Structure formats: C-alpha cells, structure tokens
Amino acid sequence: MPHDIVVGIDGSTEGLAAAHWAAQEAQRRGTGLRVVHVWHPHPALYVPLDSAERDWAEQLLGEVVRSVRAAHPGLRVTDGLVCDATVAGLLKAAADADLLVLGSCGLGPLGGFLTGSVSQRVVGRSTRPVVLVRAGRSAADEHLPATDGVAPEEIPKTPYRHVVLGLQTDRPCDELIEFAFDAARRRGTGLSVVHAFRTAFRPATGPSVPLVSVAPEGSTPVPRPQAQALADQESTVAGVLLPWREKYPTVRVTETVAEGRAAEVLVRAAQDAGLLVMGRRRVDHQVGVFTGPVTHAVLHHAGCPVAVVPHD
C-alpha cells in the first residue's frame, strides 16, 4: 500500500515550490500529501517581531496548505505542526513516507533548508528518498515547452521532460534504478541513464588522444586503451539495465557513458531534465553527514529537482 508524500515547508519560496511539486507527485502516485512545518519554541530570527513562534508557525502552515488545496482540489492534503529540532522533526515526520520533499535553498542554518545545512543533513540521514526542489519551479517546468496558444490549464497535457538517472556500475542498486524507471513510467517520458567513469589513459595536458589508433590502409583499426575502456563500460551499463528494460517495457531508455567527473557529467545531462535521480549509500555512523562528494556537488549545481535515494 503506498504511503503519503511528506513535504517540509519553512516560509521560503523554495519551500512553497517544494509543496506544489510534492502535490503533483502525490497525484501521479495516487497518494495523499502531508505538509509539515517544524518549529522551535525559542525565539528565531525568521519570525516577525510581533508574532509568537507557534502562532507564526500555524499561520505559515495554514497559508501553504490553502495554496496547495486551491491548486490541487482533488488531492487529500493533511498538515502537521512539529515542535522539535528541524532535522530530527523532518526525519520523524517522513519515517513512513514514500518520499520526503524539501526546498533546496531557504532561510539559512537557523530556520531554513539551505543546501549545506538542514537539507544536506536530512539527505545524509534519511532512510527514505528525498527530493530537493529549487524556488521558481512550477508545473510548466516539468513539461517540454508548450507551443504558442496553449492555455496554462492545458500544460499538463504537453509531454514531460525526461528523467535522468546517475548510475554506478560497481555496485548497482535495485532501489535506485527502480525509482528512476518508475518515475519515468508515471510521467510517460523517457529515461536517460548516465554513467561517468575515469581512466588512467587520459593525458594530463595537450590535445585529446583519438580513441582509435591509425592503422595501415586495409587493416583493422586497433582500439586504444581508452576506447576499450569505453566499450567495456557501455557493455556493463547495458547488462545492468537489461532486466529493467524488460520490467518496464514502455519506458524509452537511452544510455550515455562518458569519461569525466561524475558531478559535471550529471549536471550537464540534467540541464533540460524534469528530474535527476541519484543514489546515496547508507553509512552506519552515529554522527556526521554523509552525502558523498558527487551528490553534494550535484545538489548545489543542478537546476532541476534532484531525488536522492538511499541504498545499501
């Protein structure tokens, strides 16, 4: 049985964008949406001087819930006001959720979801998938550009932008791959699987080296080590995806294997995407934030919503 989606809001434009993105996702999944605001009992800089913390929190939560209900009248929306430390409160609220959605930038380390602060710690500790959404994202941004003359209410009928999956081949994870395939299936769009790798054959300086060596006329070209490494990686990616192509036959899949830094390759691949899906390996530590350098970089630079799926 599917569980509700939880969105954490904080009074920022990013939080409001996250709430409306989460509402759309809940409708796609056929679930409800729970809007949560975590507040502190001690004075906070982001609370207006003429308001008590709880009164302000209730007012903020009510405004966001009304906005979501007005835009998505058929959606079941509930709310939750949580008095707790921000990260702990969000993690508890989303413990049984299908998905936790947050704004990717907010009011700062005292009260918002500033990347590198609250959202970074939530992503690093959550046992549930987390999606980060930037301010300014709207329903139209999930779709390909509409042609002239298309009314706003007709935008959902235009095709969705593709989903991008960042794939590691050393230890591929079923939860991550299935999340990406399922997201593409629900949107009726394509899935672009991107794998980046590095080799020891790349020259440090100077012009790039051809991937195929020059052979005498009439003879078979001999692959250079770089070309062989690329071919091996492409074969591995194809093998990993084969059972998933069979499980999701309606999803159009394209595979891209590129040599380069993973974060740079993924951010470039996701420029026109509707969603970027990445993995995060669970680390058994009591303290600290463990998102990994690639995930950390992508969360800062990707313009589209980013889903981070924890896995073993």
C-alpha atoms as a PDB file:
ATOM      1  CA  MET A   1       0.000   0.000   0.000  1.00  0.00           C
ATOM      2  CA  PRO A   2       1.502   3.381  -0.955  1.00  0.00           C
ATOM      3  CA  HIS A   3       2.205   5.848   1.822  1.00  0.00           C
ATOM      4  CA  ASP A   4       1.730   9.591   1.707  1.00  0.00           C
ATOM      5  CA  ILE A   5       4.344  12.013   0.482  1.00  0.00           C
ATOM      6  CA  VAL A   6       5.684  14.421   3.102  1.00  0.00           C
ATOM      7  CA  VAL A   7       6.859  17.938   2.296  1.00  0.00           C
ATOM      8  CA  GLY A   8       8.665  20.143   4.760  1.00  0.00           C
ATOM      9  CA  ILE A   9       7.995  23.866   4.482  1.00  0.00           C
ATOM     10  CA  ASP A  10       9.792  26.764   6.138  1.00  0.00           C
ATOM     11  CA  GLY A  11       8.261  30.006   4.908  1.00  0.00           C
ATOM     12  CA  SER A  12      10.612  30.336   1.937  1.00  0.00           C
ATOM     13  CA  THR A  13       9.783  30.461  -1.764  1.00  0.00           C
ATOM     14  CA  GLU A  14      11.745  27.227  -2.124  1.00  0.00           C
ATOM     15  CA  GLY A  15       9.512  25.554   0.451  1.00  0.00           C
ATOM     16  CA  LEU A  16       6.388  26.676  -1.382  1.00  0.00           C
ATOM     17  CA  ALA A  17       7.776  25.384  -4.699  1.00  0.00           C
ATOM     18  CA  ALA A  18       8.556  22.084  -2.963  1.00  0.00           C
ATOM     19  CA  ALA A  19       4.980  21.862  -1.639  1.00  0.00           C
ATOM     20  CA  HIS A  20       3.450  22.245  -5.096  1.00  0.00           C
ATOM     21  CA  TRP A  21       5.966  19.819  -6.646  1.00  0.00           C
ATOM     22  CA  ALA A  22       5.131  17.294  -3.921  1.00  0.00           C
ATOM     23  CA  ALA A  23       1.395  17.768  -4.588  1.00  0.00           C
ATOM     24  CA  GLN A  24       1.903  16.945  -8.261  1.00  0.00           C
ATOM     25  CA  GLU A  25       3.951  13.898  -7.351  1.00  0.00           C
ATOM     26  CA  ALA A  26       1.269  12.724  -4.910  1.00  0.00           C
ATOM     27  CA  GLN A  27      -1.326  12.965  -7.671  1.00  0.00           C
ATOM     28  CA  ARG A  28       0.897  10.958 -10.016  1.00  0.00           C
ATOM     29  CA  ARG A  29       1.295   8.263  -7.361  1.00  0.00           C
ATOM     30  CA  GLY A  30      -2.310   8.298  -6.184  1.00  0.00           C
ATOM     31  CA  THR A  31      -1.345   9.093  -2.595  1.00  0.00           C
ATOM     32  CA  GLY A  32      -2.050  11.896  -0.167  1.00  0.00           C
ATOM     33  CA  LEU A  33       0.207  14.770   0.804  1.00  0.00           C
ATOM     34  CA  ARG A  34       1.225  15.740   4.329  1.00  0.00           C
ATOM     35  CA  VAL A  35       2.553  19.281   4.727  1.00  0.00           C
ATOM     36  CA  VAL A  36       4.852  19.587   7.748  1.00  0.00           C
ATOM     37  CA  HIS A  37       6.394  22.584   9.429  1.00  0.00           C
ATOM     38  CA  VAL A  38       8.942  22.085  12.190  1.00  0.00           C
ATOM     39  CA  TRP A  39       9.172  24.989  14.611  1.00  0.00           C
ATOM     40  CA  HIS A  40      11.310  25.852  17.619  1.00  0.00           C
ATOM     41  CA  PRO A  41       9.969  27.028  20.995  1.00  0.00           C
ATOM     42  CA  HIS A  42      12.826  29.531  21.372  1.00  0.00           C
ATOM     43  CA  PRO A  43      12.991  32.883  19.540  1.00  0.00           C
ATOM     44  CA  ALA A  44      14.094  32.639  15.910  1.00  0.00           C
ATOM     45  CA  LEU A  45      15.352  35.374  13.614  1.00  0.00           C
ATOM     46  CA  TYR A  46      12.958  34.486  10.815  1.00  0.00           C
ATOM     47  CA  VAL A  47       9.816  35.020  12.936  1.00  0.00           C
ATOM     48  CA  PRO A  48       8.280  38.527  12.717  1.00  0.00           C
ATOM     49  CA  LEU A  49       8.821  40.580  15.863  1.00  0.00           C
ATOM     50  CA  ASP A  50       5.090  40.954  16.521  1.00  0.00           C
ATOM     51  CA  SER A  51       4.391  37.198  16.359  1.00  0.00           C
ATOM     52  CA  ALA A  52       4.878  34.304  18.756  1.00  0.00           C
ATOM     53  CA  GLU A  53       6.740  31.337  17.305  1.00  0.00           C
ATOM     54  CA  ARG A  54       3.808  28.924  17.437  1.00  0.00           C
ATOM     55  CA  ASP A  55       1.307  31.479  16.115  1.00  0.00           C
ATOM     56  CA  TRP A  56       3.600  32.260  13.189  1.00  0.00           C
ATOM     57  CA  ALA A  57       4.149  28.563  12.520  1.00  0.00           C
ATOM     58  CA  GLU A  58       0.396  27.883  12.457  1.00  0.00           C
ATOM     59  CA  GLN A  59      -0.227  30.816  10.140  1.00  0.00           C
ATOM     60  CA  LEU A  60       2.561  29.743   7.776  1.00  0.00           C
ATOM     61  CA  LEU A  61       1.354  26.150   7.656  1.00  0.00           C
ATOM     62  CA  GLY A  62      -2.233  27.217   7.023  1.00  0.00           C
ATOM     63  CA  GLU A  63      -1.242  29.503   4.148  1.00  0.00           C
ATOM     64  CA  VAL A  64       0.744  26.785   2.368  1.00  0.00           C
ATOM     65  CA  VAL A  65      -1.982  24.175   2.849  1.00  0.00           C
ATOM     66  CA  ARG A  66      -4.609  26.538   1.430  1.00  0.00           C
ATOM     67  CA  SER A  67      -2.380  27.297  -1.548  1.00  0.00           C
ATOM     68  CA  VAL A  68      -1.853  23.599  -2.281  1.00  0.00           C
ATOM     69  CA  ARG A  69      -5.532  22.726  -1.888  1.00  0.00           C
ATOM     70  CA  ALA A  70      -6.548  25.564  -4.202  1.00  0.00           C
ATOM     71  CA  ALA A  71      -4.138  24.392  -6.904  1.00  0.00           C
ATOM     72  CA  HIS A  72      -4.892  20.672  -6.443  1.00  0.00           C
ATOM     73  CA  PRO A  73      -8.560  20.432  -5.381  1.00  0.00           C
ATOM     74  CA  GLY A  74      -8.794  16.654  -5.769  1.00  0.00           C
ATOM     75  CA  LEU A  75      -5.785  15.898  -3.592  1.00  0.00           C
ATOM     76  CA  ARG A  76      -6.051  14.704   0.005  1.00  0.00           C
ATOM     77  CA  VAL A  77      -3.915  17.151   1.999  1.00  0.00           C
ATOM     78  CA  THR A  78      -3.178  16.950   5.720  1.00  0.00           C
ATOM     79  CA  ASP A  79      -0.932  19.133   7.839  1.00  0.00           C
ATOM     80  CA  GLY A  80       1.407  18.659  10.736  1.00  0.00           C
ATOM     81  CA  LEU A  81       2.954  21.166  13.125  1.00  0.00           C
ATOM     82  CA  VAL A  82       6.003  19.647  14.815  1.00  0.00           C
ATOM     83  CA  CYS A  83       7.870  21.171  17.753  1.00  0.00           C
ATOM     84  CA  ASP A  84      11.356  19.712  17.504  1.00  0.00           C
ATOM     85  CA  ALA A  85      14.834  20.268  16.154  1.00  0.00           C
ATOM     86  CA  THR A  86      14.420  20.809  12.411  1.00  0.00           C
ATOM     87  CA  VAL A  87      16.335  17.801  11.084  1.00  0.00           C
ATOM     88  CA  ALA A  88      15.023  15.380  13.704  1.00  0.00           C
ATOM     89  CA  GLY A  89      11.447  16.593  13.221  1.00  0.00           C
ATOM     90  CA  LEU A  90      11.590  16.176   9.440  1.00  0.00           C
ATOM     91  CA  LEU A  91      13.108  12.717   9.669  1.00  0.00           C
ATOM     92  CA  LYS A  92      10.451  11.574  12.149  1.00  0.00           C
ATOM     93  CA  ALA A  93       7.637  13.023  10.042  1.00  0.00           C
ATOM     94  CA  ALA A  94       8.882  11.170   6.965  1.00  0.00           C
ATOM     95  CA  ALA A  95       9.762   7.877   8.651  1.00  0.00           C
ATOM     96  CA  ASP A  96       6.901   6.023   6.932  1.00  0.00           C
ATOM     97  CA  ALA A  97       6.551   8.249   3.877  1.00  0.00           C
ATOM     98  CA  ASP A  98       7.124   7.202   0.295  1.00  0.00           C
ATOM     99  CA  LEU A  99       9.064  10.381  -0.261  1.00  0.00           C
ATOM    100  CA  LEU A 100      10.254  13.491   1.576  1.00  0.00           C
ATOM    101  CA  VAL A 101      10.331  16.742  -0.410  1.00  0.00           C
ATOM    102  CA  LEU A 102      12.208  19.891   0.637  1.00  0.00           C
ATOM    103  CA  GLY A 103      13.173  23.222  -0.827  1.00  0.00           C
ATOM    104  CA  SER A 104      16.787  23.182  -1.962  1.00  0.00           C
ATOM    105  CA  CYS A 105      17.547  26.594  -0.504  1.00  0.00           C
ATOM    106  CA  GLY A 106      15.844  28.528   2.241  1.00  0.00           C
ATOM    107  CA  LEU A 107      16.157  30.861   5.157  1.00  0.00           C
ATOM    108  CA  GLY A 108      19.547  29.678   6.275  1.00  0.00           C
ATOM    109  CA  PRO A 109      21.000  27.461   9.008  1.00  0.00           C
ATOM    110  CA  LEU A 110      18.773  28.909  11.745  1.00  0.00           C
ATOM    111  CA  GLY A 111      15.472  28.016  10.177  1.00  0.00           C
ATOM    112  CA  GLY A 112      15.565  27.131   6.504  1.00  0.00           C
ATOM    113  CA  PHE A 113      16.622  24.361   4.200  1.00  0.00           C
ATOM    114  CA  LEU A 114      19.812  25.974   2.934  1.00  0.00           C
ATOM    115  CA  THR A 115      21.795  23.437   0.912  1.00  0.00           C
ATOM    116  CA  GLY A 116      24.739  22.502   3.106  1.00  0.00           C
ATOM    117  CA  SER A 117      22.669  22.977   6.258  1.00  0.00           C
ATOM    118  CA  VAL A 118      19.307  21.393   7.048  1.00  0.00           C
ATOM    119  CA  SER A 119      18.628  19.811   3.658  1.00  0.00           C
ATOM    120  CA  GLN A 120      22.161  18.435   3.473  1.00  0.00           C
ATOM    121  CA  ARG A 121      21.797  16.799   6.878  1.00  0.00           C
ATOM    122  CA  VAL A 122      18.357  15.423   6.051  1.00  0.00           C
ATOM    123  CA  VAL A 123      19.621  13.915   2.791  1.00  0.00           C
ATOM    124  CA  GLY A 124      22.606  12.423   4.605  1.00  0.00           C
ATOM    125  CA  ARG A 125      20.494  10.811   7.335  1.00  0.00           C
ATOM    126  CA  SER A 126      17.150   9.970   5.761  1.00  0.00           C
ATOM    127  CA  THR A 127      16.153   6.352   5.242  1.00  0.00           C
ATOM    128  CA  ARG A 128      13.557   7.491   2.681  1.00  0.00           C
ATOM    129  CA  PRO A 129      14.142   9.063  -0.739  1.00  0.00           C
ATOM    130  CA  VAL A 130      14.461  12.854  -0.570  1.00  0.00           C
ATOM    131  CA  VAL A 131      13.706  15.287  -3.401  1.00  0.00           C
ATOM    132  CA  LEU A 132      15.092  18.816  -3.323  1.00  0.00           C
ATOM    133  CA  VAL A 133      13.273  21.483  -5.329  1.00  0.00           C
ATOM    134  CA  ARG A 134      14.530  24.966  -6.175  1.00  0.00           C
ATOM    135  CA  ALA A 135      12.487  28.151  -5.964  1.00  0.00           C
ATOM    136  CA  GLY A 136      10.653  29.153  -9.095  1.00  0.00           C
ATOM    137  CA  ARG A 137       9.808  25.617 -10.178  1.00  0.00           C
ATOM    138  CA  SER A 138       6.243  25.293 -11.460  1.00  0.00           C
ATOM    139  CA  ALA A 139       4.053  22.698 -13.108  1.00  0.00           C
ATOM    140  CA  ALA A 140       5.044  24.047 -16.507  1.00  0.00           C
ATOM    141  CA  ASP A 141       8.739  23.403 -15.805  1.00  0.00           C
ATOM    142  CA  GLU A 142       8.155  19.664 -15.646  1.00  0.00           C
ATOM    143  CA  HIS A 143       6.899  19.677 -19.211  1.00  0.00           C
ATOM    144  CA  LEU A 144       8.518  20.422 -22.531  1.00  0.00           C
ATOM    145  CA  PRO A 145       7.930  23.978 -23.772  1.00  0.00           C
ATOM    146  CA  ALA A 146       4.302  24.436 -24.806  1.00  0.00           C
ATOM    147  CA  THR A 147       3.507  25.810 -28.231  1.00  0.00           C
ATOM    148  CA  ASP A 148       2.006  29.257 -28.633  1.00  0.00           C
ATOM    149  CA  GLY A 149      -1.688  29.412 -27.867  1.00  0.00           C
ATOM    150  CA  VAL A 150      -1.656  26.690 -25.205  1.00  0.00           C
ATOM    151  CA  ALA A 151      -3.584  27.766 -22.106  1.00  0.00           C
ATOM    152  CA  PRO A 152      -1.996  27.252 -18.640  1.00  0.00           C
ATOM    153  CA  GLU A 153      -4.544  24.578 -17.741  1.00  0.00           C
ATOM    154  CA  GLU A 154      -3.529  22.637 -20.863  1.00  0.00           C
ATOM    155  CA  ILE A 155       0.165  22.498 -19.946  1.00  0.00           C
ATOM    156  CA  PRO A 156      -0.124  19.112 -18.133  1.00  0.00           C
ATOM    157  CA  LYS A 157      -1.174  17.632 -21.484  1.00  0.00           C
ATOM    158  CA  THR A 158       2.184  18.503 -23.051  1.00  0.00           C
ATOM    159  CA  PRO A 159       4.928  15.836 -22.781  1.00  0.00           C
ATOM    160  CA  TYR A 160       7.008  15.627 -19.638  1.00  0.00           C
ATOM    161  CA  ARG A 161      10.709  16.364 -19.678  1.00  0.00           C
ATOM    162  CA  HIS A 162      12.872  13.272 -19.421  1.00  0.00           C
ATOM    163  CA  VAL A 163      14.163  11.724 -16.210  1.00  0.00           C
ATOM    164  CA  VAL A 164      17.927  11.334 -15.714  1.00  0.00           C
ATOM    165  CA  LEU A 165      19.442   8.504 -13.670  1.00  0.00           C
ATOM    166  CA  GLY A 166      23.028   8.708 -12.451  1.00  0.00           C
ATOM    167  CA  LEU A 167      24.208   5.092 -12.483  1.00  0.00           C
ATOM    168  CA  GLN A 168      27.197   3.497 -10.800  1.00  0.00           C
ATOM    169  CA  THR A 169      28.135   0.093 -12.166  1.00  0.00           C
ATOM    170  CA  ASP A 170      30.426  -1.202  -9.438  1.00  0.00           C
ATOM    171  CA  ARG A 171      27.511  -1.944  -7.098  1.00  0.00           C
ATOM    172  CA  PRO A 172      24.243  -1.150  -8.902  1.00  0.00           C
ATOM    173  CA  CYS A 173      21.283  -0.715  -6.575  1.00  0.00           C
ATOM    174  CA  ASP A 174      17.791  -2.024  -7.292  1.00  0.00           C
ATOM    175  CA  GLU A 175      16.011   0.664  -5.212  1.00  0.00           C
ATOM    176  CA  LEU A 176      17.713   3.452  -7.119  1.00  0.00           C
ATOM    177  CA  ILE A 177      17.146   2.017 -10.589  1.00  0.00           C
ATOM    178  CA  GLU A 178      13.524   1.149  -9.875  1.00  0.00           C
ATOM    179  CA  PHE A 179      12.839   4.636  -8.527  1.00  0.00           C
ATOM    180  CA  ALA A 180      14.080   6.172 -11.781  1.00  0.00           C
ATOM    181  CA  PHE A 181      12.232   3.746 -14.062  1.00  0.00           C
ATOM    182  CA  ASP A 182       9.032   4.200 -12.065  1.00  0.00           C
ATOM    183  CA  ALA A 183       9.355   7.999 -12.198  1.00  0.00           C
ATOM    184  CA  ALA A 184       9.723   7.890 -15.984  1.00  0.00           C
ATOM    185  CA  ARG A 185       6.812   5.466 -16.323  1.00  0.00           C
ATOM    186  CA  ARG A 186       4.471   7.621 -14.257  1.00  0.00           C
ATOM    187  CA  ARG A 187       5.341  10.635 -16.375  1.00  0.00           C
ATOM    188  CA  GLY A 188       5.114   8.751 -19.663  1.00  0.00           C
ATOM    189  CA  THR A 189       8.517  10.070 -20.616  1.00  0.00           C
ATOM    190  CA  GLY A 190      11.982   8.809 -21.442  1.00  0.00           C
ATOM    191  CA  LEU A 191      14.740   7.787 -19.058  1.00  0.00           C
ATOM    192  CA  SER A 192      18.278   8.907 -19.747  1.00  0.00           C
ATOM    193  CA  VAL A 193      20.771   6.703 -17.909  1.00  0.00           C
ATOM    194  CA  VAL A 194      24.123   8.405 -17.438  1.00  0.00           C
ATOM    195  CA  HIS A 195      27.312   6.725 -16.287  1.00  0.00           C
ATOM    196  CA  ALA A 196      30.583   8.617 -15.861  1.00  0.00           C
ATOM    197  CA  PHE A 197      33.948   6.929 -15.474  1.00  0.00           C
ATOM    198  CA  ARG A 198      37.602   7.882 -15.292  1.00  0.00           C
ATOM    199  CA  THR A 199      40.590   6.057 -16.733  1.00  0.00           C
ATOM    200  CA  ALA A 200      44.317   6.337 -16.285  1.00  0.00           C
ATOM    201  CA  PHE A 201      44.750   6.851 -20.020  1.00  0.00           C
ATOM    202  CA  ARG A 202      43.618  10.476 -20.232  1.00  0.00           C
ATOM    203  CA  PRO A 203      46.595  12.774 -20.881  1.00  0.00           C
ATOM    204  CA  ALA A 204      47.121  15.432 -18.242  1.00  0.00           C
ATOM    205  CA  THR A 205      47.837  18.150 -20.793  1.00  0.00           C
ATOM    206  CA  GLY A 206      47.780  18.665 -24.517  1.00  0.00           C
ATOM    207  CA  PRO A 207      45.217  17.727 -27.148  1.00  0.00           C
ATOM    208  CA  SER A 208      42.879  14.808 -26.653  1.00  0.00           C
ATOM    209  CA  VAL A 209      44.085  11.436 -27.890  1.00  0.00           C
ATOM    210  CA  PRO A 210      41.979   9.671 -30.556  1.00  0.00           C
ATOM    211  CA  LEU A 211      40.065   6.705 -29.206  1.00  0.00           C
ATOM    212  CA  VAL A 212      41.058   4.584 -32.241  1.00  0.00           C
ATOM    213  CA  SER A 213      44.629   4.285 -33.395  1.00  0.00           C
ATOM    214  CA  VAL A 214      45.612   4.933 -37.002  1.00  0.00           C
ATOM    215  CA  ALA A 215      46.219   1.634 -38.793  1.00  0.00           C
ATOM    216  CA  PRO A 216      47.652   0.912 -42.258  1.00  0.00           C
ATOM    217  CA  GLU A 217      45.123   1.061 -45.073  1.00  0.00           C
ATOM    218  CA  GLY A 218      43.195  -2.172 -45.434  1.00  0.00           C
ATOM    219  CA  SER A 219      43.874  -3.383 -41.899  1.00  0.00           C
ATOM    220  CA  THR A 220      41.534  -3.399 -38.895  1.00  0.00           C
ATOM    221  CA  PRO A 221      41.874  -0.352 -36.560  1.00  0.00           C
ATOM    222  CA  VAL A 222      43.274  -1.319 -33.169  1.00  0.00           C
ATOM    223  CA  PRO A 223      41.343   0.205 -30.250  1.00  0.00           C
ATOM    224  CA  ARG A 224      43.374   2.296 -27.876  1.00  0.00           C
ATOM    225  CA  PRO A 225      43.026   1.599 -24.137  1.00  0.00           C
ATOM    226  CA  GLN A 226      40.558   4.494 -23.772  1.00  0.00           C
ATOM    227  CA  ALA A 227      38.306   3.103 -26.477  1.00  0.00           C
ATOM    228  CA  GLN A 228      38.396  -0.342 -24.913  1.00  0.00           C
ATOM    229  CA  ALA A 229      37.560   1.093 -21.503  1.00  0.00           C
ATOM    230  CA  LEU A 230      34.614   2.959 -23.010  1.00  0.00           C
ATOM    231  CA  ALA A 231      33.366  -0.175 -24.739  1.00  0.00           C
ATOM    232  CA  ASP A 232      33.678  -2.168 -21.518  1.00  0.00           C
ATOM    233  CA  GLN A 233      31.719   0.442 -19.565  1.00  0.00           C
ATOM    234  CA  GLU A 234      28.982   0.584 -22.205  1.00  0.00           C
ATOM    235  CA  SER A 235      28.669  -3.200 -22.100  1.00  0.00           C
ATOM    236  CA  THR A 236      28.415  -3.175 -18.312  1.00  0.00           C
ATOM    237  CA  VAL A 237      25.715  -0.483 -18.324  1.00  0.00           C
ATOM    238  CA  ALA A 238      23.716  -2.385 -20.931  1.00  0.00           C
ATOM    239  CA  GLY A 239      23.919  -5.530 -18.829  1.00  0.00           C
ATOM    240  CA  VAL A 240      22.769  -3.766 -15.665  1.00  0.00           C
ATOM    241  CA  LEU A 241      19.775  -2.217 -17.426  1.00  0.00           C
ATOM    242  CA  LEU A 242      18.627  -5.275 -19.382  1.00  0.00           C
ATOM    243  CA  PRO A 243      16.291  -6.729 -16.707  1.00  0.00           C
ATOM    244  CA  TRP A 244      14.846  -3.263 -16.010  1.00  0.00           C
ATOM    245  CA  ARG A 245      14.109  -2.661 -19.673  1.00  0.00           C
ATOM    246  CA  GLU A 246      12.175  -5.938 -19.615  1.00  0.00           C
ATOM    247  CA  LYS A 247      10.317  -4.991 -16.408  1.00  0.00           C
ATOM    248  CA  TYR A 248       9.388  -1.532 -17.754  1.00  0.00           C
ATOM    249  CA  PRO A 249       8.889  -2.132 -21.490  1.00  0.00           C
ATOM    250  CA  THR A 250       7.006   1.145 -22.016  1.00  0.00           C
ATOM    251  CA  VAL A 251       9.890   3.316 -20.779  1.00  0.00           C
ATOM    252  CA  ARG A 252      12.113   4.647 -23.543  1.00  0.00           C
ATOM    253  CA  VAL A 253      15.700   4.305 -22.334  1.00  0.00           C
ATOM    254  CA  THR A 254      18.803   5.998 -23.657  1.00  0.00           C
ATOM    255  CA  GLU A 255      22.261   5.219 -22.326  1.00  0.00           C
ATOM    256  CA  THR A 256      25.123   7.674 -22.111  1.00  0.00           C
ATOM    257  CA  VAL A 257      28.590   6.614 -20.996  1.00  0.00           C
ATOM    258  CA  ALA A 258      31.115   9.424 -20.717  1.00  0.00           C
ATOM    259  CA  GLU A 259      34.614   9.786 -19.394  1.00  0.00           C
ATOM    260  CA  GLY A 260      34.821  12.662 -16.952  1.00  0.00           C
ATOM    261  CA  ARG A 261      33.969  13.855 -13.478  1.00  0.00           C
ATOM    262  CA  ALA A 262      30.654  12.356 -12.422  1.00  0.00           C
ATOM    263  CA  ALA A 263      29.153  15.558 -10.986  1.00  0.00           C
ATOM    264  CA  GLU A 264      29.986  17.590 -14.091  1.00  0.00           C
ATOM    265  CA  VAL A 265      28.627  14.914 -16.417  1.00  0.00           C
ATOM    266  CA  LEU A 266      25.371  14.597 -14.444  1.00  0.00           C
ATOM    267  CA  VAL A 267      24.714  18.326 -14.122  1.00  0.00           C
ATOM    268  CA  ARG A 268      25.291  18.726 -17.862  1.00  0.00           C
ATOM    269  CA  ALA A 269      22.994  15.795 -18.666  1.00  0.00           C
ATOM    270  CA  ALA A 270      20.222  17.182 -16.446  1.00  0.00           C
ATOM    271  CA  GLN A 271      20.115  20.682 -17.956  1.00  0.00           C
ATOM    272  CA  ASP A 272      16.811  20.048 -19.744  1.00  0.00           C
ATOM    273  CA  ALA A 273      15.535  17.257 -17.474  1.00  0.00           C
ATOM    274  CA  GLY A 274      12.438  17.206 -15.315  1.00  0.00           C
ATOM    275  CA  LEU A 275      14.067  15.119 -12.572  1.00  0.00           C
ATOM    276  CA  LEU A 276      17.550  13.861 -11.746  1.00  0.00           C
ATOM    277  CA  VAL A 277      17.782  10.657  -9.704  1.00  0.00           C
ATOM    278  CA  MET A 278      20.911   9.815  -7.717  1.00  0.00           C
ATOM    279  CA  GLY A 279      21.886   7.291  -5.097  1.00  0.00           C
ATOM    280  CA  ARG A 280      23.405   7.637  -1.644  1.00  0.00           C
ATOM    281  CA  ARG A 281      24.938   4.718   0.163  1.00  0.00           C
ATOM    282  CA  ARG A 282      23.832   4.334   3.756  1.00  0.00           C
ATOM    283  CA  VAL A 283      26.724   4.749   6.174  1.00  0.00           C
ATOM    284  CA  ASP A 284      26.441   3.303   9.672  1.00  0.00           C
ATOM    285  CA  HIS A 285      27.709   6.237  11.722  1.00  0.00           C
ATOM    286  CA  GLN A 286      26.168   7.881  14.741  1.00  0.00           C
ATOM    287  CA  VAL A 287      27.191  11.422  13.830  1.00  0.00           C
ATOM    288  CA  GLY A 288      28.039  13.392  10.735  1.00  0.00           C
ATOM    289  CA  VAL A 289      26.539  13.969   7.319  1.00  0.00           C
ATOM    290  CA  PHE A 290      27.344  11.525   4.548  1.00  0.00           C
ATOM    291  CA  THR A 291      26.037  12.511   1.147  1.00  0.00           C
ATOM    292  CA  GLY A 292      29.163  11.800  -0.853  1.00  0.00           C
ATOM    293  CA  PRO A 293      31.118  14.350  -2.916  1.00  0.00           C
ATOM    294  CA  VAL A 294      29.225  13.716  -6.166  1.00  0.00           C
ATOM    295  CA  THR A 295      25.778  14.060  -4.579  1.00  0.00           C
ATOM    296  CA  HIS A 296      26.926  17.117  -2.637  1.00  0.00           C
ATOM    297  CA  ALA A 297      28.143  18.848  -5.813  1.00  0.00           C
ATOM    298  CA  VAL A 298      25.071  17.954  -7.866  1.00  0.00           C
ATOM    299  CA  LEU A 299      22.674  19.231  -5.189  1.00  0.00           C
ATOM    300  CA  HIS A 300      24.396  22.607  -5.390  1.00  0.00           C
ATOM    301  CA  HIS A 301      24.514  22.922  -9.168  1.00  0.00           C
ATOM    302  CA  ALA A 302      21.612  21.019 -10.763  1.00  0.00           C
ATOM    303  CA  GLY A 303      18.735  23.247 -11.810  1.00  0.00           C
ATOM    304  CA  CYS A 304      16.028  20.583 -11.904  1.00  0.00           C
ATOM    305  CA  PRO A 305      14.581  18.730  -8.887  1.00  0.00           C
ATOM    306  CA  VAL A 306      17.018  16.113  -7.572  1.00  0.00           C
ATOM    307  CA  ALA A 307      15.907  12.853  -5.963  1.00  0.00           C
ATOM    308  CA  VAL A 308      18.429  11.202  -3.645  1.00  0.00           C
ATOM    309  CA  VAL A 309      17.653   7.537  -2.969  1.00  0.00           C
ATOM    310  CA  PRO A 310      19.430   5.880  -0.012  1.00  0.00           C
ATOM    311  CA  HIS A 311      20.560   2.312  -0.524  1.00  0.00           C
ATOM    312  CA  ASP A 312      22.931  -0.294   0.905  1.00  0.00           C
END
